[in-house]
């Protein structure tokens, strides 16, 4: 169970997940909308988006939205990866990122 073997070591992770605004009634939902309104400022920047299809929180529907927002982005979907992409698929991701950064 390490490093999350007791309440003290788990609480920050719990609070982080609880702070993800998944509905308009969430206290930080407006902050999310404010950020979303400014995403267009990034549309002309080189971008790579890597998504795990098994993400329990940010599903493939979120990836589809990013593809619409940034049609020029290099989007990679990893069907067998979840939320922790680098833990699940580092052997695929690292070469992609190196190639992307070398451009």
PDB file of N, CA and C in Angstrom:
ATOM      1  N   UNK A   1       0.805  -1.214   0.000  1.00  0.00           N
ATOM      2  CA  UNK A   1       0.000   0.000   0.000  1.00  0.00           C
ATOM      3  C   UNK A   1       0.847   1.277   0.000  1.00  0.00           C
ATOM      4  N   UNK A   2       2.124   1.162   0.258  1.00  0.00           N
ATOM      5  CA  UNK A   2       2.972   2.355   0.304  1.00  0.00           C
ATOM      6  C   UNK A   2       2.931   3.040  -1.050  1.00  0.00           C
ATOM      7  N   UNK A   3       2.982   4.320  -1.143  1.00  0.00           N
ATOM      8  CA  UNK A   3       3.184   5.276  -0.054  1.00  0.00           C
ATOM      9  C   UNK A   3       1.879   5.751   0.595  1.00  0.00           C
ATOM     10  N   UNK A   4       0.764   5.116   0.270  1.00  0.00           N
ATOM     11  CA  UNK A   4      -0.542   5.555   0.784  1.00  0.00           C
ATOM     12  C   UNK A   4      -1.050   4.610   1.869  1.00  0.00           C
ATOM     13  N   UNK A   5      -0.213   4.327   2.846  1.00  0.00           N
ATOM     14  CA  UNK A   5      -0.516   3.302   3.835  1.00  0.00           C
ATOM     15  C   UNK A   5      -1.303   3.790   5.045  1.00  0.00           C
ATOM     16  N   UNK A   6      -1.627   5.087   5.107  1.00  0.00           N
ATOM     17  CA  UNK A   6      -2.439   5.586   6.216  1.00  0.00           C
ATOM     18  C   UNK A   6      -3.182   6.850   5.786  1.00  0.00           C
ATOM     19  N   UNK A   7      -4.090   7.281   6.626  1.00  0.00           N
ATOM     20  CA  UNK A   7      -4.920   8.448   6.316  1.00  0.00           C
ATOM     21  C   UNK A   7      -4.072   9.664   5.959  1.00  0.00           C
ATOM     22  N   UNK A   8      -3.077   9.956   6.755  1.00  0.00           N
ATOM     23  CA  UNK A   8      -2.227  11.129   6.541  1.00  0.00           C
ATOM     24  C   UNK A   8      -1.585  11.106   5.145  1.00  0.00           C
ATOM     25  N   UNK A   9      -1.207   9.948   4.676  1.00  0.00           N
ATOM     26  CA  UNK A   9      -0.561   9.819   3.371  1.00  0.00           C
ATOM     27  C   UNK A   9      -1.555   9.755   2.209  1.00  0.00           C
ATOM     28  N   UNK A  10      -2.846   9.629   2.513  1.00  0.00           N
ATOM     29  CA  UNK A  10      -3.860   9.541   1.459  1.00  0.00           C
ATOM     30  C   UNK A  10      -4.693  10.799   1.305  1.00  0.00           C
ATOM     31  N   UNK A  11      -4.765  11.634   2.306  1.00  0.00           N
ATOM     32  CA  UNK A  11      -5.725  12.737   2.311  1.00  0.00           C
ATOM     33  C   UNK A  11      -5.506  13.726   1.166  1.00  0.00           C
ATOM     34  N   UNK A  12      -4.269  14.032   0.832  1.00  0.00           N
ATOM     35  CA  UNK A  12      -4.022  14.987  -0.256  1.00  0.00           C
ATOM     36  C   UNK A  12      -4.545  14.453  -1.586  1.00  0.00           C
ATOM     37  N   UNK A  13      -4.358  13.172  -1.832  1.00  0.00           N
ATOM     38  CA  UNK A  13      -4.862  12.568  -3.062  1.00  0.00           C
ATOM     39  C   UNK A  13      -6.384  12.607  -3.093  1.00  0.00           C
ATOM     40  N   UNK A  14      -7.013  12.317  -1.978  1.00  0.00           N
ATOM     41  CA  UNK A  14      -8.469  12.387  -1.890  1.00  0.00           C
ATOM     42  C   UNK A  14      -8.962  13.801  -2.171  1.00  0.00           C
ATOM     43  N   UNK A  15      -8.352  14.783  -1.540  1.00  0.00           N
ATOM     44  CA  UNK A  15      -8.777  16.180  -1.730  1.00  0.00           C
ATOM     45  C   UNK A  15      -8.576  16.631  -3.179  1.00  0.00           C
ATOM     46  N   UNK A  16      -7.501  16.181  -3.800  1.00  0.00           N
ATOM     47  CA  UNK A  16      -7.258  16.520  -5.202  1.00  0.00           C
ATOM     48  C   UNK A  16      -8.397  16.000  -6.079  1.00  0.00           C
ATOM     49  N   UNK A  17      -8.766  14.759  -5.896  1.00  0.00           N
ATOM     50  CA  UNK A  17      -9.854  14.174  -6.685  1.00  0.00           C
ATOM     51  C   UNK A  17     -11.169  14.883  -6.393  1.00  0.00           C
ATOM     52  N   UNK A  18     -11.422  15.216  -5.139  1.00  0.00           N
ATOM     53  CA  UNK A  18     -12.657  15.914  -4.779  1.00  0.00           C
ATOM     54  C   UNK A  18     -12.720  17.308  -5.386  1.00  0.00           C
ATOM     55  N   UNK A  19     -11.586  17.883  -5.741  1.00  0.00           N
ATOM     56  CA  UNK A  19     -11.556  19.235  -6.293  1.00  0.00           C
ATOM     57  C   UNK A  19     -11.736  19.260  -7.811  1.00  0.00           C
ATOM     58  N   UNK A  20     -11.925  18.127  -8.434  1.00  0.00           N
ATOM     59  CA  UNK A  20     -12.160  18.093  -9.879  1.00  0.00           C
ATOM     60  C   UNK A  20     -13.618  18.474 -10.122  1.00  0.00           C
ATOM     61  N   UNK A  21     -13.856  19.603 -10.790  1.00  0.00           N
ATOM     62  CA  UNK A  21     -15.235  20.089 -10.979  1.00  0.00           C
ATOM     63  C   UNK A  21     -15.958  19.331 -12.089  1.00  0.00           C
ATOM     64  N   UNK A  22     -16.751  18.364 -11.712  1.00  0.00           N
ATOM     65  CA  UNK A  22     -17.465  17.540 -12.682  1.00  0.00           C
ATOM     66  C   UNK A  22     -18.907  17.991 -12.913  1.00  0.00           C
ATOM     67  N   UNK A  23     -19.356  19.009 -12.193  1.00  0.00           N
ATOM     68  CA  UNK A  23     -20.718  19.510 -12.395  1.00  0.00           C
ATOM     69  C   UNK A  23     -20.753  21.005 -12.076  1.00  0.00           C
ATOM     70  N   UNK A  24     -21.742  21.725 -12.620  1.00  0.00           N
ATOM     71  CA  UNK A  24     -21.837  23.173 -12.372  1.00  0.00           C
ATOM     72  C   UNK A  24     -21.988  23.552 -10.904  1.00  0.00           C
ATOM     73  N   UNK A  25     -22.430  22.641 -10.077  1.00  0.00           N
ATOM     74  CA  UNK A  25     -22.607  22.969  -8.661  1.00  0.00           C
ATOM     75  C   UNK A  25     -21.295  22.911  -7.869  1.00  0.00           C
ATOM     76  N   UNK A  26     -20.248  22.419  -8.483  1.00  0.00           N
ATOM     77  CA  UNK A  26     -18.957  22.305  -7.786  1.00  0.00           C
ATOM     78  C   UNK A  26     -18.352  23.696  -7.569  1.00  0.00           C
ATOM     79  N   UNK A  27     -17.742  23.948  -6.402  1.00  0.00           N
ATOM     80  CA  UNK A  27     -17.190  25.279  -6.087  1.00  0.00           C
ATOM     81  C   UNK A  27     -16.142  25.790  -7.081  1.00  0.00           C
ATOM     82  N   UNK A  28     -15.392  24.900  -7.733  1.00  0.00           N
ATOM     83  CA  UNK A  28     -14.361  25.376  -8.663  1.00  0.00           C
ATOM     84  C   UNK A  28     -14.785  25.280 -10.133  1.00  0.00           C
ATOM     85  N   UNK A  29     -16.056  25.022 -10.374  1.00  0.00           N
ATOM     86  CA  UNK A  29     -16.533  24.885 -11.754  1.00  0.00           C
ATOM     87  C   UNK A  29     -16.323  26.172 -12.554  1.00  0.00           C
ATOM     88  N   UNK A  30     -16.569  27.329 -11.949  1.00  0.00           N
ATOM     89  CA  UNK A  30     -16.380  28.597 -12.648  1.00  0.00           C
ATOM     90  C   UNK A  30     -14.918  28.791 -13.049  1.00  0.00           C
ATOM     91  N   UNK A  31     -14.009  28.377 -12.209  1.00  0.00           N
ATOM     92  CA  UNK A  31     -12.588  28.464 -12.551  1.00  0.00           C
ATOM     93  C   UNK A  31     -12.297  27.638 -13.796  1.00  0.00           C
ATOM     94  N   UNK A  32     -12.870  26.453 -13.860  1.00  0.00           N
ATOM     95  CA  UNK A  32     -12.699  25.605 -15.030  1.00  0.00           C
ATOM     96  C   UNK A  32     -13.242  26.286 -16.284  1.00  0.00           C
ATOM     97  N   UNK A  33     -14.400  26.903 -16.183  1.00  0.00           N
ATOM     98  CA  UNK A  33     -14.977  27.615 -17.327  1.00  0.00           C
ATOM     99  C   UNK A  33     -14.103  28.786 -17.753  1.00  0.00           C
ATOM    100  N   UNK A  34     -13.544  29.510 -16.789  1.00  0.00           N
ATOM    101  CA  UNK A  34     -12.646  30.628 -17.106  1.00  0.00           C
ATOM    102  C   UNK A  34     -11.426  30.143 -17.885  1.00  0.00           C
ATOM    103  N   UNK A  35     -10.883  29.026 -17.480  1.00  0.00           N
ATOM    104  CA  UNK A  35      -9.730  28.455 -18.187  1.00  0.00           C
ATOM    105  C   UNK A  35     -10.146  28.016 -19.586  1.00  0.00           C
ATOM    106  N   UNK A  36     -11.283  27.353 -19.675  1.00  0.00           N
ATOM    107  CA  UNK A  36     -11.755  26.861 -20.968  1.00  0.00           C
ATOM    108  C   UNK A  36     -11.958  28.005 -21.962  1.00  0.00           C
ATOM    109  N   UNK A  37     -12.442  29.138 -21.496  1.00  0.00           N
ATOM    110  CA  UNK A  37     -12.661  30.293 -22.370  1.00  0.00           C
ATOM    111  C   UNK A  37     -11.362  30.826 -22.970  1.00  0.00           C
ATOM    112  N   UNK A  38     -10.242  30.545 -22.331  1.00  0.00           N
ATOM    113  CA  UNK A  38      -8.955  31.051 -22.809  1.00  0.00           C
ATOM    114  C   UNK A  38      -8.138  30.003 -23.565  1.00  0.00           C
ATOM    115  N   UNK A  39      -8.639  28.799 -23.684  1.00  0.00           N
ATOM    116  CA  UNK A  39      -7.890  27.751 -24.366  1.00  0.00           C
ATOM    117  C   UNK A  39      -7.591  28.099 -25.820  1.00  0.00           C
ATOM    118  N   UNK A  40      -8.437  28.883 -26.440  1.00  0.00           N
ATOM    119  CA  UNK A  40      -8.219  29.256 -27.837  1.00  0.00           C
ATOM    120  C   UNK A  40      -6.874  29.958 -28.034  1.00  0.00           C
ATOM    121  N   UNK A  41      -6.331  30.545 -26.982  1.00  0.00           N
ATOM    122  CA  UNK A  41      -5.036  31.222 -27.076  1.00  0.00           C
ATOM    123  C   UNK A  41      -3.899  30.240 -27.378  1.00  0.00           C
ATOM    124  N   UNK A  42      -4.147  28.969 -27.193  1.00  0.00           N
ATOM    125  CA  UNK A  42      -3.126  27.946 -27.435  1.00  0.00           C
ATOM    126  C   UNK A  42      -3.253  27.273 -28.801  1.00  0.00           C
ATOM    127  N   UNK A  43      -4.275  27.615 -29.576  1.00  0.00           N
ATOM    128  CA  UNK A  43      -4.577  26.849 -30.787  1.00  0.00           C
ATOM    129  C   UNK A  43      -3.470  26.864 -31.829  1.00  0.00           C
ATOM    130  N   UNK A  44      -2.632  27.898 -31.848  1.00  0.00           N
ATOM    131  CA  UNK A  44      -1.555  27.971 -32.836  1.00  0.00           C
ATOM    132  C   UNK A  44      -0.216  27.472 -32.303  1.00  0.00           C
ATOM    133  N   UNK A  45      -0.211  26.923 -31.122  1.00  0.00           N
ATOM    134  CA  UNK A  45       1.021  26.413 -30.513  1.00  0.00           C
ATOM    135  C   UNK A  45       1.186  24.926 -30.850  1.00  0.00           C
ATOM    136  N   UNK A  46       2.424  24.484 -31.028  1.00  0.00           N
ATOM    137  CA  UNK A  46       2.629  23.038 -31.210  1.00  0.00           C
ATOM    138  C   UNK A  46       2.113  22.304 -29.971  1.00  0.00           C
ATOM    139  N   UNK A  47       1.393  21.226 -30.202  1.00  0.00           N
ATOM    140  CA  UNK A  47       0.753  20.554 -29.071  1.00  0.00           C
ATOM    141  C   UNK A  47       0.686  19.053 -29.303  1.00  0.00           C
ATOM    142  N   UNK A  48       0.989  18.324 -28.258  1.00  0.00           N
ATOM    143  CA  UNK A  48       0.776  16.880 -28.250  1.00  0.00           C
ATOM    144  C   UNK A  48      -0.160  16.567 -27.086  1.00  0.00           C
ATOM    145  N   UNK A  49      -1.181  15.799 -27.376  1.00  0.00           N
ATOM    146  CA  UNK A  49      -2.140  15.371 -26.359  1.00  0.00           C
ATOM    147  C   UNK A  49      -2.084  13.845 -26.314  1.00  0.00           C
ATOM    148  N   UNK A  50      -1.815  13.311 -25.136  1.00  0.00           N
ATOM    149  CA  UNK A  50      -1.752  11.858 -24.972  1.00  0.00           C
ATOM    150  C   UNK A  50      -2.828  11.454 -23.966  1.00  0.00           C
ATOM    151  N   UNK A  51      -3.668  10.504 -24.379  1.00  0.00           N
ATOM    152  CA  UNK A  51      -4.829  10.141 -23.569  1.00  0.00           C
ATOM    153  C   UNK A  51      -4.863   8.644 -23.313  1.00  0.00           C
ATOM    154  N   UNK A  52      -5.296   8.288 -22.136  1.00  0.00           N
ATOM    155  CA  UNK A  52      -5.525   6.887 -21.808  1.00  0.00           C
ATOM    156  C   UNK A  52      -7.013   6.583 -21.848  1.00  0.00           C
ATOM    157  N   UNK A  53      -7.408   5.652 -22.675  1.00  0.00           N
ATOM    158  CA  UNK A  53      -8.835   5.328 -22.832  1.00  0.00           C
ATOM    159  C   UNK A  53      -9.475   4.782 -21.565  1.00  0.00           C
ATOM    160  N   UNK A  54      -8.664   4.249 -20.669  1.00  0.00           N
ATOM    161  CA  UNK A  54      -9.214   3.673 -19.441  1.00  0.00           C
ATOM    162  C   UNK A  54      -9.192   4.653 -18.275  1.00  0.00           C
ATOM    163  N   UNK A  55      -9.012   5.937 -18.558  1.00  0.00           N
ATOM    164  CA  UNK A  55      -9.003   6.941 -17.487  1.00  0.00           C
ATOM    165  C   UNK A  55     -10.376   6.967 -16.831  1.00  0.00           C
ATOM    166  N   UNK A  56     -10.410   6.781 -15.532  1.00  0.00           N
ATOM    167  CA  UNK A  56     -11.666   6.727 -14.778  1.00  0.00           C
ATOM    168  C   UNK A  56     -12.316   8.097 -14.641  1.00  0.00           C
ATOM    169  N   UNK A  57     -11.541   9.137 -14.798  1.00  0.00           N
ATOM    170  CA  UNK A  57     -12.042  10.493 -14.569  1.00  0.00           C
ATOM    171  C   UNK A  57     -12.221  11.250 -15.883  1.00  0.00           C
ATOM    172  N   UNK A  58     -11.160  11.332 -16.657  1.00  0.00           N
ATOM    173  CA  UNK A  58     -11.194  12.065 -17.918  1.00  0.00           C
ATOM    174  C   UNK A  58     -11.332  11.060 -19.055  1.00  0.00           C
ATOM    175  N   UNK A  59     -12.579  10.762 -19.377  1.00  0.00           N
ATOM    176  CA  UNK A  59     -12.903   9.720 -20.346  1.00  0.00           C
ATOM    177  C   UNK A  59     -12.527  10.144 -21.763  1.00  0.00           C
ATOM    178  N   UNK A  60     -12.721   9.232 -22.693  1.00  0.00           N
ATOM    179  CA  UNK A  60     -12.430   9.493 -24.102  1.00  0.00           C
ATOM    180  C   UNK A  60     -13.259  10.665 -24.622  1.00  0.00           C
ATOM    181  N   UNK A  61     -14.411  10.923 -24.036  1.00  0.00           N
ATOM    182  CA  UNK A  61     -15.221  12.074 -24.454  1.00  0.00           C
ATOM    183  C   UNK A  61     -14.454  13.384 -24.254  1.00  0.00           C
ATOM    184  N   UNK A  62     -13.675  13.470 -23.189  1.00  0.00           N
ATOM    185  CA  UNK A  62     -12.842  14.654 -22.977  1.00  0.00           C
ATOM    186  C   UNK A  62     -11.787  14.761 -24.073  1.00  0.00           C
ATOM    187  N   UNK A  63     -11.188  13.636 -24.453  1.00  0.00           N
ATOM    188  CA  UNK A  63     -10.189  13.642 -25.520  1.00  0.00           C
ATOM    189  C   UNK A  63     -10.805  14.144 -26.824  1.00  0.00           C
ATOM    190  N   UNK A  64     -12.009  13.699 -27.116  1.00  0.00           N
ATOM    191  CA  UNK A  64     -12.684  14.140 -28.342  1.00  0.00           C
ATOM    192  C   UNK A  64     -12.868  15.655 -28.344  1.00  0.00           C
ATOM    193  N   UNK A  65     -13.193  16.208 -27.191  1.00  0.00           N
ATOM    194  CA  UNK A  65     -13.353  17.665 -27.095  1.00  0.00           C
ATOM    195  C   UNK A  65     -12.020  18.366 -27.357  1.00  0.00           C
ATOM    196  N   UNK A  66     -10.934  17.834 -26.801  1.00  0.00           N
ATOM    197  CA  UNK A  66      -9.611  18.425 -27.045  1.00  0.00           C
ATOM    198  C   UNK A  66      -9.256  18.360 -28.528  1.00  0.00           C
ATOM    199  N   UNK A  67      -9.618  17.269 -29.192  1.00  0.00           N
ATOM    200  CA  UNK A  67      -9.342  17.149 -30.625  1.00  0.00           C
ATOM    201  C   UNK A  67     -10.100  18.213 -31.416  1.00  0.00           C
ATOM    202  N   UNK A  68     -11.313  18.518 -30.993  1.00  0.00           N
ATOM    203  CA  UNK A  68     -12.084  19.572 -31.660  1.00  0.00           C
ATOM    204  C   UNK A  68     -11.496  20.947 -31.383  1.00  0.00           C
ATOM    205  N   UNK A  69     -11.070  21.169 -30.147  1.00  0.00           N
ATOM    206  CA  UNK A  69     -10.485  22.463 -29.788  1.00  0.00           C
ATOM    207  C   UNK A  69      -9.151  22.702 -30.475  1.00  0.00           C
ATOM    208  N   UNK A  70      -8.382  21.629 -30.662  1.00  0.00           N
ATOM    209  CA  UNK A  70      -7.033  21.739 -31.212  1.00  0.00           C
ATOM    210  C   UNK A  70      -6.847  20.738 -32.351  1.00  0.00           C
ATOM    211  N   UNK A  71      -7.468  21.002 -33.507  1.00  0.00           N
ATOM    212  CA  UNK A  71      -7.414  20.038 -34.611  1.00  0.00           C
ATOM    213  C   UNK A  71      -6.007  19.791 -35.156  1.00  0.00           C
ATOM    214  N   UNK A  72      -5.084  20.716 -34.947  1.00  0.00           N
ATOM    215  CA  UNK A  72      -3.715  20.522 -35.434  1.00  0.00           C
ATOM    216  C   UNK A  72      -2.839  19.761 -34.441  1.00  0.00           C
ATOM    217  N   UNK A  73      -3.361  19.463 -33.281  1.00  0.00           N
ATOM    218  CA  UNK A  73      -2.572  18.775 -32.252  1.00  0.00           C
ATOM    219  C   UNK A  73      -2.254  17.341 -32.670  1.00  0.00           C
ATOM    220  N   UNK A  74      -1.110  16.885 -32.234  1.00  0.00           N
ATOM    221  CA  UNK A  74      -0.727  15.483 -32.400  1.00  0.00           C
ATOM    222  C   UNK A  74      -1.368  14.726 -31.234  1.00  0.00           C
ATOM    223  N   UNK A  75      -2.478  14.057 -31.508  1.00  0.00           N
ATOM    224  CA  UNK A  75      -3.241  13.381 -30.455  1.00  0.00           C
ATOM    225  C   UNK A  75      -2.959  11.884 -30.504  1.00  0.00           C
ATOM    226  N   UNK A  76      -2.563  11.357 -29.361  1.00  0.00           N
ATOM    227  CA  UNK A  76      -2.286   9.923 -29.240  1.00  0.00           C
ATOM    228  C   UNK A  76      -3.213   9.338 -28.188  1.00  0.00           C
ATOM    229  N   UNK A  77      -3.887   8.276 -28.561  1.00  0.00           N
ATOM    230  CA  UNK A  77      -4.768   7.579 -27.629  1.00  0.00           C
ATOM    231  C   UNK A  77      -4.148   6.224 -27.306  1.00  0.00           C
ATOM    232  N   UNK A  78      -4.088   5.913 -26.028  1.00  0.00           N
ATOM    233  CA  UNK A  78      -3.540   4.627 -25.603  1.00  0.00           C
ATOM    234  C   UNK A  78      -4.691   3.813 -25.004  1.00  0.00           C
ATOM    235  N   UNK A  79      -5.219   2.855 -25.766  1.00  0.00           N
ATOM    236  CA  UNK A  79      -6.410   2.121 -25.335  1.00  0.00           C
ATOM    237  C   UNK A  79      -6.266   1.382 -24.005  1.00  0.00           C
ATOM    238  N   UNK A  80      -5.073   0.893 -23.693  1.00  0.00           N
ATOM    239  CA  UNK A  80      -4.910   0.090 -22.480  1.00  0.00           C
ATOM    240  C   UNK A  80      -4.317   0.874 -21.313  1.00  0.00           C
ATOM    241  N   UNK A  81      -4.270   2.206 -21.415  1.00  0.00           N
ATOM    242  CA  UNK A  81      -3.738   3.045 -20.331  1.00  0.00           C
ATOM    243  C   UNK A  81      -4.877   3.775 -19.635  1.00  0.00           C
ATOM    244  N   UNK A  82      -4.629   4.104 -18.375  1.00  0.00           N
ATOM    245  CA  UNK A  82      -5.616   4.827 -17.591  1.00  0.00           C
ATOM    246  C   UNK A  82      -5.158   6.237 -17.282  1.00  0.00           C
ATOM    247  N   UNK A  83      -5.469   6.694 -16.089  1.00  0.00           N
ATOM    248  CA  UNK A  83      -5.188   8.064 -15.668  1.00  0.00           C
ATOM    249  C   UNK A  83      -3.695   8.331 -15.507  1.00  0.00           C
ATOM    250  N   UNK A  84      -2.966   7.329 -15.078  1.00  0.00           N
ATOM    251  CA  UNK A  84      -1.526   7.493 -14.830  1.00  0.00           C
ATOM    252  C   UNK A  84      -0.749   6.980 -16.039  1.00  0.00           C
ATOM    253  N   UNK A  85      -0.756   7.789 -17.087  1.00  0.00           N
ATOM    254  CA  UNK A  85      -0.197   7.385 -18.375  1.00  0.00           C
ATOM    255  C   UNK A  85       1.250   6.930 -18.302  1.00  0.00           C
ATOM    256  N   UNK A  86       2.080   7.684 -17.610  1.00  0.00           N
ATOM    257  CA  UNK A  86       3.495   7.327 -17.578  1.00  0.00           C
ATOM    258  C   UNK A  86       3.752   6.044 -16.799  1.00  0.00           C
ATOM    259  N   UNK A  87       2.885   5.704 -15.895  1.00  0.00           N
ATOM    260  CA  UNK A  87       3.014   4.418 -15.208  1.00  0.00           C
ATOM    261  C   UNK A  87       2.536   3.281 -16.110  1.00  0.00           C
ATOM    262  N   UNK A  88       1.492   3.547 -16.872  1.00  0.00           N
ATOM    263  CA  UNK A  88       0.886   2.508 -17.698  1.00  0.00           C
ATOM    264  C   UNK A  88       1.602   2.288 -19.031  1.00  0.00           C
ATOM    265  N   UNK A  89       2.178   3.347 -19.593  1.00  0.00           N
ATOM    266  CA  UNK A  89       2.678   3.236 -20.971  1.00  0.00           C
ATOM    267  C   UNK A  89       3.921   4.081 -21.237  1.00  0.00           C
ATOM    268  N   UNK A  90       4.794   4.191 -20.268  1.00  0.00           N
ATOM    269  CA  UNK A  90       5.982   5.039 -20.452  1.00  0.00           C
ATOM    270  C   UNK A  90       6.834   4.610 -21.641  1.00  0.00           C
ATOM    271  N   UNK A  91       6.871   3.312 -21.929  1.00  0.00           N
ATOM    272  CA  UNK A  91       7.711   2.830 -23.027  1.00  0.00           C
ATOM    273  C   UNK A  91       7.214   3.322 -24.383  1.00  0.00           C
ATOM    274  N   UNK A  92       5.939   3.671 -24.490  1.00  0.00           N
ATOM    275  CA  UNK A  92       5.406   4.247 -25.730  1.00  0.00           C
ATOM    276  C   UNK A  92       5.477   5.765 -25.705  1.00  0.00           C
ATOM    277  N   UNK A  93       5.175   6.346 -24.569  1.00  0.00           N
ATOM    278  CA  UNK A  93       5.064   7.797 -24.458  1.00  0.00           C
ATOM    279  C   UNK A  93       6.407   8.507 -24.592  1.00  0.00           C
ATOM    280  N   UNK A  94       7.420   8.019 -23.930  1.00  0.00           N
ATOM    281  CA  UNK A  94       8.708   8.723 -23.931  1.00  0.00           C
ATOM    282  C   UNK A  94       9.252   8.925 -25.348  1.00  0.00           C
ATOM    283  N   UNK A  95       9.262   7.919 -26.222  1.00  0.00           N
ATOM    284  CA  UNK A  95       9.729   8.173 -27.593  1.00  0.00           C
ATOM    285  C   UNK A  95       8.867   9.197 -28.343  1.00  0.00           C
ATOM    286  N   UNK A  96       7.548   9.161 -28.133  1.00  0.00           N
ATOM    287  CA  UNK A  96       6.673  10.142 -28.784  1.00  0.00           C
ATOM    288  C   UNK A  96       7.038  11.557 -28.364  1.00  0.00           C
ATOM    289  N   UNK A  97       7.194  11.740 -27.058  1.00  0.00           N
ATOM    290  CA  UNK A  97       7.486  13.077 -26.533  1.00  0.00           C
ATOM    291  C   UNK A  97       8.859  13.545 -27.001  1.00  0.00           C
ATOM    292  N   UNK A  98       9.839  12.670 -26.994  1.00  0.00           N
ATOM    293  CA  UNK A  98      11.174  13.048 -27.475  1.00  0.00           C
ATOM    294  C   UNK A  98      11.120  13.509 -28.928  1.00  0.00           C
ATOM    295  N   UNK A  99      10.405  12.769 -29.757  1.00  0.00           N
ATOM    296  CA  UNK A  99      10.274  13.135 -31.176  1.00  0.00           C
ATOM    297  C   UNK A  99       9.535  14.464 -31.323  1.00  0.00           C
ATOM    298  N   UNK A 100       8.473  14.640 -30.552  1.00  0.00           N
ATOM    299  CA  UNK A 100       7.700  15.886 -30.602  1.00  0.00           C
ATOM    300  C   UNK A 100       8.566  17.075 -30.195  1.00  0.00           C
ATOM    301  N   UNK A 101       9.325  16.941 -29.126  1.00  0.00           N
ATOM    302  CA  UNK A 101      10.161  18.042 -28.641  1.00  0.00           C
ATOM    303  C   UNK A 101      11.336  18.339 -29.567  1.00  0.00           C
ATOM    304  N   UNK A 102      11.731  17.367 -30.363  1.00  0.00           N
ATOM    305  CA  UNK A 102      12.850  17.568 -31.289  1.00  0.00           C
ATOM    306  C   UNK A 102      12.452  18.365 -32.528  1.00  0.00           C
ATOM    307  N   UNK A 103      11.162  18.544 -32.742  1.00  0.00           N
ATOM    308  CA  UNK A 103      10.690  19.288 -33.933  1.00  0.00           C
ATOM    309  C   UNK A 103      11.075  20.748 -33.852  1.00  0.00           C
TER     310      UNK A 103
END
